[in-house]
Amino acid sequence: ADAVVTGEAGAMDAWLWQRRDDADITVTGDPAVF
């Protein structure tokens, strides 16, 4: 992957739906791709 977004399923689902912040989400890799 050019970028990896990591987190538990519940945190990721809620974050993608904009129901919680990204406190439990980490991002690595190419900033431009993310």
PDB file of all heavy atoms in Angstrom:
ATOM      1  N   ALA A   1       0.834  -1.198   0.000  1.00  0.00           N
ATOM      2  CA  ALA A   1       0.000   0.000   0.000  1.00  0.00           C
ATOM      3  C   ALA A   1       0.874   1.254   0.000  1.00  0.00           C
ATOM      4  O   ALA A   1       1.939   1.287   0.613  1.00  0.00           O
ATOM      5  CB  ALA A   1      -0.907  -0.008   1.219  1.00  0.00           C
ATOM      6  N   ASP A   2       0.405   2.290  -0.671  1.00  0.00           N
ATOM      7  CA  ASP A   2       1.086   3.582  -0.620  1.00  0.00           C
ATOM      8  C   ASP A   2       0.851   4.266   0.720  1.00  0.00           C
ATOM      9  O   ASP A   2       1.702   5.025   1.191  1.00  0.00           O
ATOM     10  CB  ASP A   2       0.591   4.480  -1.750  1.00  0.00           C
ATOM     11  CG  ASP A   2       0.946   3.925  -3.117  1.00  0.00           C
ATOM     12  OD1 ASP A   2       2.080   4.141  -3.570  1.00  0.00           O
ATOM     13  OD2 ASP A   2       0.096   3.238  -3.708  1.00  0.00           O
ATOM     14  N   ALA A   3      -0.307   4.000   1.312  1.00  0.00           N
ATOM     15  CA  ALA A   3      -0.636   4.541   2.629  1.00  0.00           C
ATOM     16  C   ALA A   3      -1.487   3.512   3.359  1.00  0.00           C
ATOM     17  O   ALA A   3      -2.278   2.791   2.736  1.00  0.00           O
ATOM     18  CB  ALA A   3      -1.382   5.867   2.512  1.00  0.00           C
ATOM     19  N   VAL A   4      -1.306   3.433   4.665  1.00  0.00           N
ATOM     20  CA  VAL A   4      -2.046   2.483   5.488  1.00  0.00           C
ATOM     21  C   VAL A   4      -2.776   3.251   6.583  1.00  0.00           C
ATOM     22  O   VAL A   4      -2.168   4.026   7.322  1.00  0.00           O
ATOM     23  CB  VAL A   4      -1.117   1.428   6.124  1.00  0.00           C
ATOM     24  CG1 VAL A   4      -1.926   0.454   6.985  1.00  0.00           C
ATOM     25  CG2 VAL A   4      -0.347   0.675   5.047  1.00  0.00           C
ATOM     26  N   VAL A   5      -4.086   3.044   6.671  1.00  0.00           N
ATOM     27  CA  VAL A   5      -4.928   3.641   7.707  1.00  0.00           C
ATOM     28  C   VAL A   5      -5.299   2.513   8.658  1.00  0.00           C
ATOM     29  O   VAL A   5      -5.907   1.526   8.243  1.00  0.00           O
ATOM     30  CB  VAL A   5      -6.188   4.277   7.093  1.00  0.00           C
ATOM     31  CG1 VAL A   5      -6.995   5.015   8.158  1.00  0.00           C
ATOM     32  CG2 VAL A   5      -5.827   5.217   5.946  1.00  0.00           C
ATOM     33  N   THR A   6      -4.944   2.644   9.927  1.00  0.00           N
ATOM     34  CA  THR A   6      -5.039   1.537  10.876  1.00  0.00           C
ATOM     35  C   THR A   6      -5.932   1.898  12.058  1.00  0.00           C
ATOM     36  O   THR A   6      -5.864   3.013  12.589  1.00  0.00           O
ATOM     37  CB  THR A   6      -3.640   1.155  11.390  1.00  0.00           C
ATOM     38  OG1 THR A   6      -2.808   0.839  10.268  1.00  0.00           O
ATOM     39  CG2 THR A   6      -3.705  -0.042  12.311  1.00  0.00           C
ATOM     40  N   GLY A   7      -6.751   0.938  12.477  1.00  0.00           N
ATOM     41  CA  GLY A   7      -7.575   1.125  13.663  1.00  0.00           C
ATOM     42  C   GLY A   7      -8.472  -0.077  13.860  1.00  0.00           C
ATOM     43  O   GLY A   7      -8.565  -0.967  12.997  1.00  0.00           O
ATOM     44  N   GLU A   8      -9.130  -0.148  14.996  1.00  0.00           N
ATOM     45  CA  GLU A   8     -10.111  -1.197  15.228  1.00  0.00           C
ATOM     46  C   GLU A   8     -11.344  -0.943  14.361  1.00  0.00           C
ATOM     47  O   GLU A   8     -11.629   0.189  13.966  1.00  0.00           O
ATOM     48  CB  GLU A   8     -10.487  -1.259  16.698  1.00  0.00           C
ATOM     49  CG  GLU A   8      -9.351  -1.731  17.591  1.00  0.00           C
ATOM     50  CD  GLU A   8      -9.784  -1.971  19.020  1.00  0.00           C
ATOM     51  OE1 GLU A   8     -10.939  -1.622  19.378  1.00  0.00           O
ATOM     52  OE2 GLU A   8      -8.967  -2.525  19.800  1.00  0.00           O
ATOM     53  N   ALA A   9     -12.094  -2.011  14.082  1.00  0.00           N
ATOM     54  CA  ALA A   9     -13.208  -1.917  13.141  1.00  0.00           C
ATOM     55  C   ALA A   9     -14.249  -0.886  13.574  1.00  0.00           C
ATOM     56  O   ALA A   9     -14.715  -0.075  12.768  1.00  0.00           O
ATOM     57  CB  ALA A   9     -13.854  -3.286  12.962  1.00  0.00           C
ATOM     58  N   GLY A  10     -14.636  -0.908  14.846  1.00  0.00           N
ATOM     59  CA  GLY A  10     -15.651   0.027  15.314  1.00  0.00           C
ATOM     60  C   GLY A  10     -15.202   1.466  15.206  1.00  0.00           C
ATOM     61  O   GLY A  10     -15.975   2.350  14.789  1.00  0.00           O
ATOM     62  N   ALA A  11     -13.950   1.727  15.587  1.00  0.00           N
ATOM     63  CA  ALA A  11     -13.412   3.086  15.496  1.00  0.00           C
ATOM     64  C   ALA A  11     -13.317   3.535  14.045  1.00  0.00           C
ATOM     65  O   ALA A  11     -13.628   4.683  13.704  1.00  0.00           O
ATOM     66  CB  ALA A  11     -12.044   3.151  16.167  1.00  0.00           C
ATOM     67  N   MET A  12     -12.897   2.630  13.160  1.00  0.00           N
ATOM     68  CA  MET A  12     -12.743   2.974  11.744  1.00  0.00           C
ATOM     69  C   MET A  12     -14.107   3.252  11.103  1.00  0.00           C
ATOM     70  O   MET A  12     -14.268   4.238  10.363  1.00  0.00           O
ATOM     71  CB  MET A  12     -12.041   1.841  10.998  1.00  0.00           C
ATOM     72  CG  MET A  12     -11.659   2.165   9.563  1.00  0.00           C
ATOM     73  SD  MET A  12     -10.159   3.167   9.438  1.00  0.00           S
ATOM     74  CE  MET A  12      -8.905   1.903   9.793  1.00  0.00           C
ATOM     75  N   ASP A  13     -15.092   2.401  11.378  1.00  0.00           N
ATOM     76  CA  ASP A  13     -16.418   2.579  10.806  1.00  0.00           C
ATOM     77  C   ASP A  13     -17.022   3.906  11.254  1.00  0.00           C
ATOM     78  O   ASP A  13     -17.530   4.688  10.437  1.00  0.00           O
ATOM     79  CB  ASP A  13     -17.313   1.410  11.218  1.00  0.00           C
ATOM     80  CG  ASP A  13     -18.563   1.278  10.354  1.00  0.00           C
ATOM     81  OD1 ASP A  13     -18.579   1.804   9.230  1.00  0.00           O
ATOM     82  OD2 ASP A  13     -19.524   0.625  10.812  1.00  0.00           O
ATOM     83  N   ALA A  14     -16.947   4.182  12.560  1.00  0.00           N
ATOM     84  CA  ALA A  14     -17.502   5.425  13.087  1.00  0.00           C
ATOM     85  C   ALA A  14     -16.767   6.643  12.530  1.00  0.00           C
ATOM     86  O   ALA A  14     -17.388   7.665  12.228  1.00  0.00           O
ATOM     87  CB  ALA A  14     -17.448   5.411  14.612  1.00  0.00           C
ATOM     88  N   TRP A  15     -15.451   6.537  12.370  1.00  0.00           N
ATOM     89  CA  TRP A  15     -14.667   7.656  11.830  1.00  0.00           C
ATOM     90  C   TRP A  15     -15.023   7.906  10.369  1.00  0.00           C
ATOM     91  O   TRP A  15     -15.210   9.061   9.960  1.00  0.00           O
ATOM     92  CB  TRP A  15     -13.176   7.349  11.977  1.00  0.00           C
ATOM     93  CG  TRP A  15     -12.280   8.325  11.279  1.00  0.00           C
ATOM     94  CD1 TRP A  15     -12.081   9.646  11.591  1.00  0.00           C
ATOM     95  CD2 TRP A  15     -11.457   8.066  10.128  1.00  0.00           C
ATOM     96  NE1 TRP A  15     -11.184  10.222  10.712  1.00  0.00           N
ATOM     97  CE2 TRP A  15     -10.781   9.273   9.807  1.00  0.00           C
ATOM     98  CE3 TRP A  15     -11.215   6.925   9.355  1.00  0.00           C
ATOM     99  CZ2 TRP A  15      -9.902   9.369   8.738  1.00  0.00           C
ATOM    100  CZ3 TRP A  15     -10.336   7.018   8.290  1.00  0.00           C
ATOM    101  CH2 TRP A  15      -9.689   8.225   7.989  1.00  0.00           C
ATOM    102  N   LEU A  16     -15.137   6.851   9.576  1.00  0.00           N
ATOM    103  CA  LEU A  16     -15.477   7.018   8.166  1.00  0.00           C
ATOM    104  C   LEU A  16     -16.866   7.638   7.994  1.00  0.00           C
ATOM    105  O   LEU A  16     -17.112   8.378   7.041  1.00  0.00           O
ATOM    106  CB  LEU A  16     -15.399   5.674   7.438  1.00  0.00           C
ATOM    107  CG  LEU A  16     -13.991   5.116   7.222  1.00  0.00           C
ATOM    108  CD1 LEU A  16     -14.054   3.676   6.739  1.00  0.00           C
ATOM    109  CD2 LEU A  16     -13.209   5.980   6.236  1.00  0.00           C
ATOM    110  N   TRP A  17     -17.755   7.333   8.921  1.00  0.00           N
ATOM    111  CA  TRP A  17     -19.100   7.916   8.895  1.00  0.00           C
ATOM    112  C   TRP A  17     -19.146   9.285   9.576  1.00  0.00           C
ATOM    113  O   TRP A  17     -20.229   9.851   9.741  1.00  0.00           O
ATOM    114  CB  TRP A  17     -20.096   6.970   9.561  1.00  0.00           C
ATOM    115  CG  TRP A  17     -20.634   5.915   8.649  1.00  0.00           C
ATOM    116  CD1 TRP A  17     -20.232   4.609   8.543  1.00  0.00           C
ATOM    117  CD2 TRP A  17     -21.702   6.068   7.719  1.00  0.00           C
ATOM    118  NE1 TRP A  17     -20.976   3.952   7.597  1.00  0.00           N
ATOM    119  CE2 TRP A  17     -21.881   4.827   7.072  1.00  0.00           C
ATOM    120  CE3 TRP A  17     -22.516   7.141   7.351  1.00  0.00           C
ATOM    121  CZ2 TRP A  17     -22.845   4.624   6.088  1.00  0.00           C
ATOM    122  CZ3 TRP A  17     -23.488   6.939   6.368  1.00  0.00           C
ATOM    123  CH2 TRP A  17     -23.645   5.691   5.753  1.00  0.00           C
ATOM    124  N   GLN A  18     -17.991   9.792   9.990  1.00  0.00           N
ATOM    125  CA  GLN A  18     -17.888  11.093  10.648  1.00  0.00           C
ATOM    126  C   GLN A  18     -18.711  11.143  11.934  1.00  0.00           C
ATOM    127  O   GLN A  18     -19.284  12.174  12.299  1.00  0.00           O
ATOM    128  CB  GLN A  18     -18.295  12.225   9.692  1.00  0.00           C
ATOM    129  CG  GLN A  18     -17.430  12.265   8.441  1.00  0.00           C
ATOM    130  CD  GLN A  18     -17.807  13.378   7.486  1.00  0.00           C
ATOM    131  OE1 GLN A  18     -18.401  14.359   7.883  1.00  0.00           O
ATOM    132  NE2 GLN A  18     -17.466  13.210   6.226  1.00  0.00           N
ATOM    133  N   ARG A  19     -18.713  10.003  12.634  1.00  0.00           N
ATOM    134  CA  ARG A  19     -19.400   9.926  13.925  1.00  0.00           C
ATOM    135  C   ARG A  19     -18.429   9.995  15.097  1.00  0.00           C
ATOM    136  O   ARG A  19     -18.861  10.050  16.238  1.00  0.00           O
ATOM    137  CB  ARG A  19     -20.209   8.636  14.012  1.00  0.00           C
ATOM    138  CG  ARG A  19     -21.681   8.754  13.636  1.00  0.00           C
ATOM    139  CD  ARG A  19     -21.945   9.373  12.290  1.00  0.00           C
ATOM    140  NE  ARG A  19     -23.381   9.461  12.011  1.00  0.00           N
ATOM    141  CZ  ARG A  19     -23.895   9.819  10.847  1.00  0.00           C
ATOM    142  NH1 ARG A  19     -23.092  10.130   9.834  1.00  0.00           N
ATOM    143  NH2 ARG A  19     -25.202   9.903  10.683  1.00  0.00           N
ATOM    144  N   ARG A  20     -17.139   9.979  14.832  1.00  0.00           N
ATOM    145  CA  ARG A  20     -16.143  10.174  15.875  1.00  0.00           C
ATOM    146  C   ARG A  20     -14.866  10.695  15.236  1.00  0.00           C
ATOM    147  O   ARG A  20     -14.714  10.656  14.008  1.00  0.00           O
ATOM    148  CB  ARG A  20     -15.879   8.870  16.643  1.00  0.00           C
ATOM    149  CG  ARG A  20     -15.283   7.748  15.828  1.00  0.00           C
ATOM    150  CD  ARG A  20     -14.989   6.523  16.683  1.00  0.00           C
ATOM    151  NE  ARG A  20     -13.954   6.799  17.681  1.00  0.00           N
ATOM    152  CZ  ARG A  20     -13.607   5.930  18.636  1.00  0.00           C
ATOM    153  NH1 ARG A  20     -14.225   4.772  18.729  1.00  0.00           N
ATOM    154  NH2 ARG A  20     -12.654   6.228  19.488  1.00  0.00           N
ATOM    155  N   ASP A  21     -13.955  11.184  16.091  1.00  0.00           N
ATOM    156  CA  ASP A  21     -12.719  11.750  15.553  1.00  0.00           C
ATOM    157  C   ASP A  21     -11.710  10.648  15.244  1.00  0.00           C
ATOM    158  O   ASP A  21     -12.006   9.450  15.356  1.00  0.00           O
ATOM    159  CB  ASP A  21     -12.148  12.785  16.524  1.00  0.00           C
ATOM    160  CG  ASP A  21     -11.786  12.195  17.892  1.00  0.00           C
ATOM    161  OD1 ASP A  21     -11.508  10.976  17.975  1.00  0.00           O
ATOM    162  OD2 ASP A  21     -11.802  12.966  18.876  1.00  0.00           O
ATOM    163  N   ASP A  22     -10.511  11.058  14.858  1.00  0.00           N
ATOM    164  CA  ASP A  22      -9.485  10.104  14.435  1.00  0.00           C
ATOM    165  C   ASP A  22      -8.497   9.775  15.550  1.00  0.00           C
ATOM    166  O   ASP A  22      -7.379   9.333  15.274  1.00  0.00           O
ATOM    167  CB  ASP A  22      -8.737  10.633  13.213  1.00  0.00           C
ATOM    168  CG  ASP A  22      -8.024  11.955  13.491  1.00  0.00           C
ATOM    169  OD1 ASP A  22      -8.148  12.491  14.610  1.00  0.00           O
ATOM    170  OD2 ASP A  22      -7.342  12.456  12.572  1.00  0.00           O
ATOM    171  N   ALA A  23      -8.921   9.961  16.808  1.00  0.00           N
ATOM    172  CA  ALA A  23      -8.006   9.734  17.926  1.00  0.00           C
ATOM    173  C   ALA A  23      -7.461   8.316  17.954  1.00  0.00           C
ATOM    174  O   ALA A  23      -6.316   8.081  18.388  1.00  0.00           O
ATOM    175  CB  ALA A  23      -8.700  10.062  19.252  1.00  0.00           C
ATOM    176  N   ASP A  24      -8.246   7.338  17.506  1.00  0.00           N
ATOM    177  CA  ASP A  24      -7.818   5.943  17.527  1.00  0.00           C
ATOM    178  C   ASP A  24      -7.448   5.428  16.135  1.00  0.00           C
ATOM    179  O   ASP A  24      -7.391   4.216  15.915  1.00  0.00           O
ATOM    180  CB  ASP A  24      -8.922   5.072  18.132  1.00  0.00           C
ATOM    181  CG  ASP A  24      -9.182   5.405  19.591  1.00  0.00           C
ATOM    182  OD1 ASP A  24      -8.200   5.607  20.327  1.00  0.00           O
ATOM    183  OD2 ASP A  24     -10.363   5.493  19.983  1.00  0.00           O
ATOM    184  N   ILE A  25      -7.202   6.350  15.218  1.00  0.00           N
ATOM    185  CA  ILE A  25      -6.825   6.003  13.846  1.00  0.00           C
ATOM    186  C   ILE A  25      -5.399   6.495  13.599  1.00  0.00           C
ATOM    187  O   ILE A  25      -5.061   7.633  13.929  1.00  0.00           O
ATOM    188  CB  ILE A  25      -7.777   6.660  12.829  1.00  0.00           C
ATOM    189  CG1 ILE A  25      -9.243   6.302  13.121  1.00  0.00           C
ATOM    190  CG2 ILE A  25      -7.388   6.273  11.405  1.00  0.00           C
ATOM    191  CD1 ILE A  25      -9.566   4.838  13.013  1.00  0.00           C
ATOM    192  N   THR A  26      -4.573   5.641  13.022  1.00  0.00           N
ATOM    193  CA  THR A  26      -3.223   6.054  12.663  1.00  0.00           C
ATOM    194  C   THR A  26      -3.035   5.930  11.154  1.00  0.00           C
ATOM    195  O   THR A  26      -3.644   5.069  10.504  1.00  0.00           O
ATOM    196  CB  THR A  26      -2.153   5.215  13.378  1.00  0.00           C
ATOM    197  OG1 THR A  26      -2.308   3.830  13.004  1.00  0.00           O
ATOM    198  CG2 THR A  26      -2.288   5.338  14.892  1.00  0.00           C
ATOM    199  N   VAL A  27      -2.189   6.793  10.606  1.00  0.00           N
ATOM    200  CA  VAL A  27      -1.929   6.803   9.165  1.00  0.00           C
ATOM    201  C   VAL A  27      -0.426   6.796   8.940  1.00  0.00           C
ATOM    202  O   VAL A  27       0.312   7.587   9.545  1.00  0.00           O
ATOM    203  CB  VAL A  27      -2.542   8.049   8.499  1.00  0.00           C
ATOM    204  CG1 VAL A  27      -2.246   8.045   6.996  1.00  0.00           C
ATOM    205  CG2 VAL A  27      -4.043   8.118   8.756  1.00  0.00           C
ATOM    206  N   THR A  28       0.027   5.901   8.069  1.00  0.00           N
ATOM    207  CA  THR A  28       1.430   5.851   7.675  1.00  0.00           C
ATOM    208  C   THR A  28       1.512   5.812   6.152  1.00  0.00           C
ATOM    209  O   THR A  28       0.555   5.438   5.471  1.00  0.00           O
ATOM    210  CB  THR A  28       2.141   4.618   8.261  1.00  0.00           C
ATOM    211  OG1 THR A  28       1.444   3.428   7.834  1.00  0.00           O
ATOM    212  CG2 THR A  28       2.155   4.659   9.785  1.00  0.00           C
ATOM    213  N   GLY A  29       2.675   6.201   5.631  1.00  0.00           N
ATOM    214  CA  GLY A  29       2.880   6.134   4.189  1.00  0.00           C
ATOM    215  C   GLY A  29       2.866   7.485   3.522  1.00  0.00           C
ATOM    216  O   GLY A  29       3.154   8.509   4.155  1.00  0.00           O
ATOM    217  N   ASP A  30       2.519   7.502   2.251  1.00  0.00           N
ATOM    218  CA  ASP A  30       2.587   8.689   1.411  1.00  0.00           C
ATOM    219  C   ASP A  30       1.492   9.685   1.796  1.00  0.00           C
ATOM    220  O   ASP A  30       0.293   9.403   1.594  1.00  0.00           O
ATOM    221  CB  ASP A  30       2.428   8.261  -0.050  1.00  0.00           C
ATOM    222  CG  ASP A  30       2.662   9.403  -1.025  1.00  0.00           C
ATOM    223  OD1 ASP A  30       2.536  10.572  -0.630  1.00  0.00           O
ATOM    224  OD2 ASP A  30       2.967   9.116  -2.202  1.00  0.00           O
ATOM    225  N   PRO A  31       1.842  10.850   2.314  1.00  0.00           N
ATOM    226  CA  PRO A  31       0.819  11.825   2.722  1.00  0.00           C
ATOM    227  C   PRO A  31      -0.077  12.274   1.571  1.00  0.00           C
ATOM    228  O   PRO A  31      -1.265  12.538   1.771  1.00  0.00           O
ATOM    229  CB  PRO A  31       1.637  12.994   3.277  1.00  0.00           C
ATOM    230  CG  PRO A  31       2.966  12.419   3.625  1.00  0.00           C
ATOM    231  CD  PRO A  31       3.204  11.334   2.625  1.00  0.00           C
ATOM    232  N   ALA A  32       0.479  12.358   0.365  1.00  0.00           N
ATOM    233  CA  ALA A  32      -0.307  12.833  -0.772  1.00  0.00           C
ATOM    234  C   ALA A  32      -1.421  11.851  -1.119  1.00  0.00           C
ATOM    235  O   ALA A  32      -2.534  12.262  -1.491  1.00  0.00           O
ATOM    236  CB  ALA A  32       0.598  13.050  -1.985  1.00  0.00           C
ATOM    237  N   VAL A  33      -1.143  10.554  -1.012  1.00  0.00           N
ATOM    238  CA  VAL A  33      -2.160   9.542  -1.305  1.00  0.00           C
ATOM    239  C   VAL A  33      -3.259   9.608  -0.252  1.00  0.00           C
ATOM    240  O   VAL A  33      -4.465   9.560  -0.567  1.00  0.00           O
ATOM    241  CB  VAL A  33      -1.527   8.141  -1.370  1.00  0.00           C
ATOM    242  CG1 VAL A  33      -2.606   7.066  -1.503  1.00  0.00           C
ATOM    243  CG2 VAL A  33      -0.551   8.064  -2.541  1.00  0.00           C
ATOM    244  N   PHE A  34      -2.882   9.734   1.017  1.00  0.00           N
ATOM    245  CA  PHE A  34      -3.900   9.843   2.056  1.00  0.00           C
ATOM    246  C   PHE A  34      -4.688  11.138   1.931  1.00  0.00           C
ATOM    247  O   PHE A  34      -5.911  11.156   2.142  1.00  0.00           O
ATOM    248  CB  PHE A  34      -3.276   9.750   3.448  1.00  0.00           C
ATOM    249  CG  PHE A  34      -4.293   9.913   4.547  1.00  0.00           C
ATOM    250  CD1 PHE A  34      -5.285   8.960   4.744  1.00  0.00           C
ATOM    251  CD2 PHE A  34      -4.287  11.044   5.354  1.00  0.00           C
ATOM    252  CE1 PHE A  34      -6.242   9.116   5.739  1.00  0.00           C
ATOM    253  CE2 PHE A  34      -5.235  11.208   6.354  1.00  0.00           C
ATOM    254  CZ  PHE A  34      -6.212  10.236   6.553  1.00  0.00           C
TER     255      PHE A  34
END
